[in-house]
Amino acid sequence: MKIDTAQFRRLVKELEKIPQDTVDAAGAYFKNITPIDTGNARRNTRTRRQTIEANYAYAGRLDEGYSRQAPDGMSDPTIDFMEEEINKQVGRL
């Protein structure tokens, strides 16, 4: 079996894009499912490099399901979302 090295390199290049693309999409998803009362939590949620930052004092409490708007918190649903996104992206390759 002969391997097309150019095609392989293109495939690897596409796979390298997945993490940042997925983090960007996951950050938007996380922010979207963050409960909203005054808007402080959503306003102070950011994606920086490979990290989703929730910079407010009660972030942990919301993530534990304190709010009726997000009874499962935000992290677990976001991880599920990321797994689905990665599977979709890999399936397209």
C-alpha atoms as a PDB file:
ATOM      1  CA  MET A   1       0.000   0.000   0.000  1.00  0.00           C
ATOM      2  CA  LYS A   2       1.361   3.391  -0.987  1.00  0.00           C
ATOM      3  CA  ILE A   3       0.688   6.462   1.156  1.00  0.00           C
ATOM      4  CA  ASP A   4       0.116   9.822  -0.501  1.00  0.00           C
ATOM      5  CA  THR A   5       2.335  12.018   1.703  1.00  0.00           C
ATOM      6  CA  ALA A   6       0.804  15.272   0.445  1.00  0.00           C
ATOM      7  CA  GLN A   7      -2.681  14.064   1.318  1.00  0.00           C
ATOM      8  CA  PHE A   8      -1.434  12.840   4.705  1.00  0.00           C
ATOM      9  CA  ARG A   9       0.121  16.252   5.452  1.00  0.00           C
ATOM     10  CA  ARG A  10      -3.144  17.998   4.536  1.00  0.00           C
ATOM     11  CA  LEU A  11      -5.033  15.653   6.847  1.00  0.00           C
ATOM     12  CA  VAL A  12      -2.632  16.326   9.736  1.00  0.00           C
ATOM     13  CA  LYS A  13      -2.936  20.078   9.114  1.00  0.00           C
ATOM     14  CA  GLU A  14      -6.736  19.816   9.325  1.00  0.00           C
ATOM     15  CA  LEU A  15      -6.517  17.780  12.533  1.00  0.00           C
ATOM     16  CA  GLU A  16      -4.287  20.456  14.089  1.00  0.00           C
ATOM     17  CA  LYS A  17      -7.087  22.989  13.614  1.00  0.00           C
ATOM     18  CA  ILE A  18      -9.628  20.968  15.572  1.00  0.00           C
ATOM     19  CA  PRO A  19      -8.587  21.938  19.085  1.00  0.00           C
ATOM     20  CA  GLN A  20      -8.789  25.735  18.660  1.00  0.00           C
ATOM     21  CA  ASP A  21     -11.899  25.532  16.487  1.00  0.00           C
ATOM     22  CA  THR A  22     -13.508  23.307  19.094  1.00  0.00           C
ATOM     23  CA  VAL A  23     -12.460  25.536  21.994  1.00  0.00           C
ATOM     24  CA  ASP A  24     -13.873  28.597  20.228  1.00  0.00           C
ATOM     25  CA  ALA A  25     -17.175  26.848  19.567  1.00  0.00           C
ATOM     26  CA  ALA A  26     -17.246  25.427  23.103  1.00  0.00           C
ATOM     27  CA  GLY A  27     -16.590  28.861  24.583  1.00  0.00           C
ATOM     28  CA  ALA A  28     -19.556  30.273  22.716  1.00  0.00           C
ATOM     29  CA  TYR A  29     -21.678  27.302  23.797  1.00  0.00           C
ATOM     30  CA  PHE A  30     -20.599  27.643  27.454  1.00  0.00           C
ATOM     31  CA  LYS A  31     -21.404  31.344  27.423  1.00  0.00           C
ATOM     32  CA  ASN A  32     -24.771  30.706  25.780  1.00  0.00           C
ATOM     33  CA  ILE A  33     -25.874  28.169  28.413  1.00  0.00           C
ATOM     34  CA  THR A  34     -24.609  30.303  31.317  1.00  0.00           C
ATOM     35  CA  PRO A  35     -27.628  31.406  33.367  1.00  0.00           C
ATOM     36  CA  ILE A  36     -28.576  35.039  32.985  1.00  0.00           C
ATOM     37  CA  ASP A  37     -30.001  37.230  35.703  1.00  0.00           C
ATOM     38  CA  THR A  38     -28.112  40.503  35.671  1.00  0.00           C
ATOM     39  CA  GLY A  39     -25.848  39.492  32.773  1.00  0.00           C
ATOM     40  CA  ASN A  40     -22.701  39.557  34.918  1.00  0.00           C
ATOM     41  CA  ALA A  41     -21.870  35.868  34.430  1.00  0.00           C
ATOM     42  CA  ARG A  42     -22.145  35.975  30.643  1.00  0.00           C
ATOM     43  CA  ARG A  43     -20.363  39.308  30.450  1.00  0.00           C
ATOM     44  CA  ASN A  44     -17.424  37.897  32.426  1.00  0.00           C
ATOM     45  CA  THR A  45     -17.093  34.610  30.534  1.00  0.00           C
ATOM     46  CA  ARG A  46     -14.292  34.600  27.962  1.00  0.00           C
ATOM     47  CA  THR A  47     -12.314  32.181  25.827  1.00  0.00           C
ATOM     48  CA  ARG A  48      -8.570  32.754  25.877  1.00  0.00           C
ATOM     49  CA  ARG A  49      -6.339  30.420  23.924  1.00  0.00           C
ATOM     50  CA  GLN A  50      -7.307  26.931  25.075  1.00  0.00           C
ATOM     51  CA  THR A  51      -9.246  28.006  28.181  1.00  0.00           C
ATOM     52  CA  ILE A  52     -12.782  29.078  28.947  1.00  0.00           C
ATOM     53  CA  GLU A  53     -12.619  31.577  31.803  1.00  0.00           C
ATOM     54  CA  ALA A  54     -15.575  32.328  34.060  1.00  0.00           C
ATOM     55  CA  ASN A  55     -14.321  35.355  36.013  1.00  0.00           C
ATOM     56  CA  TYR A  56     -16.971  35.933  38.648  1.00  0.00           C
ATOM     57  CA  ALA A  57     -17.164  34.885  42.278  1.00  0.00           C
ATOM     58  CA  TYR A  58     -20.122  32.513  41.953  1.00  0.00           C
ATOM     59  CA  ALA A  59     -18.926  30.609  38.842  1.00  0.00           C
ATOM     60  CA  GLY A  60     -18.396  27.401  40.803  1.00  0.00           C
ATOM     61  CA  ARG A  61     -21.826  27.607  42.337  1.00  0.00           C
ATOM     62  CA  LEU A  62     -23.509  28.066  38.939  1.00  0.00           C
ATOM     63  CA  ASP A  63     -21.458  25.207  37.519  1.00  0.00           C
ATOM     64  CA  GLU A  64     -22.701  22.937  40.308  1.00  0.00           C
ATOM     65  CA  GLY A  65     -26.269  23.460  39.086  1.00  0.00           C
ATOM     66  CA  TYR A  66     -27.382  26.165  41.525  1.00  0.00           C
ATOM     67  CA  SER A  67     -29.472  27.933  38.877  1.00  0.00           C
ATOM     68  CA  ARG A  68     -32.710  26.483  37.506  1.00  0.00           C
ATOM     69  CA  GLN A  69     -31.619  27.858  34.120  1.00  0.00           C
ATOM     70  CA  ALA A  70     -28.624  25.483  34.064  1.00  0.00           C
ATOM     71  CA  PRO A  71     -29.414  22.580  36.415  1.00  0.00           C
ATOM     72  CA  ASP A  72     -26.496  20.569  34.977  1.00  0.00           C
ATOM     73  CA  GLY A  73     -24.096  23.480  35.271  1.00  0.00           C
ATOM     74  CA  MET A  74     -22.093  24.557  32.244  1.00  0.00           C
ATOM     75  CA  SER A  75     -18.922  22.431  32.229  1.00  0.00           C
ATOM     76  CA  ASP A  76     -20.419  18.967  31.749  1.00  0.00           C
ATOM     77  CA  PRO A  77     -22.739  20.027  28.906  1.00  0.00           C
ATOM     78  CA  THR A  78     -19.829  21.898  27.292  1.00  0.00           C
ATOM     79  CA  ILE A  79     -17.595  18.815  27.472  1.00  0.00           C
ATOM     80  CA  ASP A  80     -20.364  16.791  25.807  1.00  0.00           C
ATOM     81  CA  PHE A  81     -20.634  19.504  23.147  1.00  0.00           C
ATOM     82  CA  MET A  82     -16.869  19.416  22.532  1.00  0.00           C
ATOM     83  CA  GLU A  83     -16.888  15.638  22.121  1.00  0.00           C
ATOM     84  CA  GLU A  84     -19.679  15.892  19.563  1.00  0.00           C
ATOM     85  CA  GLU A  85     -17.855  18.655  17.678  1.00  0.00           C
ATOM     86  CA  ILE A  86     -14.613  16.683  17.550  1.00  0.00           C
ATOM     87  CA  ASN A  87     -16.452  13.597  16.308  1.00  0.00           C
ATOM     88  CA  LYS A  88     -18.139  15.684  13.573  1.00  0.00           C
ATOM     89  CA  GLN A  89     -14.844  17.263  12.501  1.00  0.00           C
ATOM     90  CA  VAL A  90     -12.968  13.960  12.436  1.00  0.00           C
ATOM     91  CA  GLY A  91     -15.823  12.356  10.524  1.00  0.00           C
ATOM     92  CA  ARG A  92     -15.505  14.994   7.789  1.00  0.00           C
ATOM     93  CA  LEU A  93     -11.838  14.180   7.189  1.00  0.00           C
END
